[in-house]
Each structure stands twice: as C-alpha cells, then as structure tokens.
Amino acid sequence: MLHLFLKKGDWFAPKRFGYGASWPIAWQGWALLAIYLACVAGAVLLAKNGHSGGRIAALVLVLLLTGLFKTVAARRTRGGWRWRWGGRD
C-alpha cells in the first residue's frame, strides 16, 4: 500500500485565486486530509485533558502536523504553489 503513496502524480488541485492548494483530486489527497484531521482531533482531545503539559504538547503536535501537511500538499499540487489570479493554467 505504501508504494501507492509514493507513486508520482498530483493529489491536490491548485487554488484558482490566491496561493496554495484547493481540494484533493486523488484518493491519496483525501487520505492525507483525513489522517491530518484525525490527528488534529486527537491533539484536541489531548489538550482537553486539562493539564498544561498536555495543552503545550497538543499545540506543538498541531504545529508539526500542519507543517508536514503543508509540505506534502505543496509538493503534490498540480503546478505547485504560486499566486494565481483566476486564469487557466
């Protein structure tokens, strides 16, 4: 199954206006998004534990997960991340 994630191809469409990626266009992108959201939900549960150490750990975890998600999404977006003005690429 891992070889399917390593296969070349685009997972996300570029945004039509602005900078970044839009919705996923491949199942790998949807899987990545679902895993990211599940991990963030787990971090929220960790933060709700009530201890300050848990809240700090949850914040660090969310920041790391977001950075990883953005890096993978940027590399797997059709045409890469750049500013777009609404024209067709």
Protein backbone atom coordinates (compact mmCIF):
# COMPACT_ATOMS: atom_id res chain seq x y z
CA MET A 1 0.00 0.00 0.00
CA LEU A 2 2.90 2.38 0.69
CA HIS A 3 4.01 2.16 -2.95
CA LEU A 4 0.69 3.75 -3.97
CA PHE A 5 1.51 6.82 -1.88
CA LEU A 6 4.99 7.06 -3.37
CA LYS A 7 3.72 6.88 -6.95
CA LYS A 8 4.18 10.09 -8.94
CA GLY A 9 1.13 12.21 -9.56
CA ASP A 10 -0.84 15.18 -8.31
CA TRP A 11 -3.04 14.87 -5.25
CA PHE A 12 -4.36 18.43 -4.98
CA ALA A 13 -5.71 20.99 -7.43
CA PRO A 14 -4.26 24.49 -7.28
CA LYS A 15 -6.38 27.33 -5.95
CA ARG A 16 -7.91 29.40 -8.72
CA PHE A 17 -7.39 32.66 -6.85
CA GLY A 18 -4.61 33.17 -4.34
CA TYR A 19 -1.79 30.98 -3.10
CA GLY A 20 -1.86 27.31 -2.16
CA ALA A 21 -3.87 24.19 -2.84
CA SER A 22 -7.56 23.58 -3.25
CA TRP A 23 -9.46 20.34 -2.66
CA PRO A 24 -7.88 16.92 -3.22
CA ILE A 25 -8.19 15.45 -6.72
CA ALA A 26 -6.88 11.95 -5.92
CA TRP A 27 -7.65 9.41 -3.23
CA GLN A 28 -4.17 9.93 -1.77
CA GLY A 29 -5.01 13.59 -1.13
CA TRP A 30 -8.28 12.66 0.55
CA ALA A 31 -6.47 10.08 2.68
CA LEU A 32 -3.82 12.62 3.67
CA LEU A 33 -6.52 15.16 4.59
CA ALA A 34 -8.44 12.56 6.65
CA ILE A 35 -5.29 11.48 8.51
CA TYR A 36 -4.39 15.11 9.21
CA LEU A 37 -7.86 15.91 10.56
CA ALA A 38 -7.90 12.77 12.70
CA CYS A 39 -4.51 13.65 14.19
CA VAL A 40 -5.63 17.22 14.92
CA ALA A 41 -8.77 15.84 16.59
CA GLY A 42 -6.55 13.61 18.72
CA ALA A 43 -4.46 16.63 19.69
CA VAL A 44 -7.63 18.49 20.70
CA LEU A 45 -8.56 15.56 22.95
CA LEU A 46 -5.07 15.70 24.43
CA ALA A 47 -5.50 19.41 25.11
CA LYS A 48 -8.87 18.84 26.79
CA ASN A 49 -7.12 16.66 29.36
CA GLY A 50 -6.74 19.77 31.50
CA HIS A 51 -3.02 19.64 32.25
CA SER A 52 -0.85 22.46 30.99
CA GLY A 53 1.71 19.94 29.71
CA GLY A 54 -0.98 18.30 27.60
CA ARG A 55 -2.02 21.63 26.11
CA ILE A 56 1.53 22.54 25.21
CA ALA A 57 2.14 19.10 23.72
CA ALA A 58 -1.08 19.39 21.71
CA LEU A 59 -0.09 22.81 20.36
CA VAL A 60 3.35 21.57 19.34
CA LEU A 61 1.79 18.49 17.75
CA VAL A 62 -0.70 20.56 15.73
CA LEU A 63 2.07 22.90 14.53
CA LEU A 64 4.25 19.97 13.44
CA LEU A 65 1.34 18.19 11.73
CA THR A 66 0.32 21.37 9.91
CA GLY A 67 3.86 21.94 8.68
CA LEU A 68 4.11 18.37 7.45
CA PHE A 69 0.69 18.55 5.77
CA LYS A 70 1.55 21.83 4.03
CA THR A 71 4.88 20.45 2.80
CA VAL A 72 3.32 17.33 1.29
CA ALA A 73 0.40 19.30 -0.18
CA ALA A 74 2.76 21.83 -1.77
CA ARG A 75 4.81 19.08 -3.41
CA ARG A 76 1.73 17.24 -4.64
CA THR A 77 -0.27 20.19 -6.01
CA ARG A 78 -0.64 20.34 -9.77
CA GLY A 79 1.57 23.20 -10.93
CA GLY A 80 2.93 23.85 -7.44
CA TRP A 81 2.06 26.65 -5.08
CA ARG A 82 2.19 30.14 -6.53
CA TRP A 83 -0.04 33.18 -6.67
CA ARG A 84 -2.89 32.80 -9.14
CA TRP A 85 -5.28 35.46 -10.47
CA GLY A 86 -8.09 33.22 -11.71
CA GLY A 87 -6.85 32.45 -15.21
CA ARG A 88 -6.46 28.97 -16.57
CA ASP A 89 -3.01 27.38 -16.22
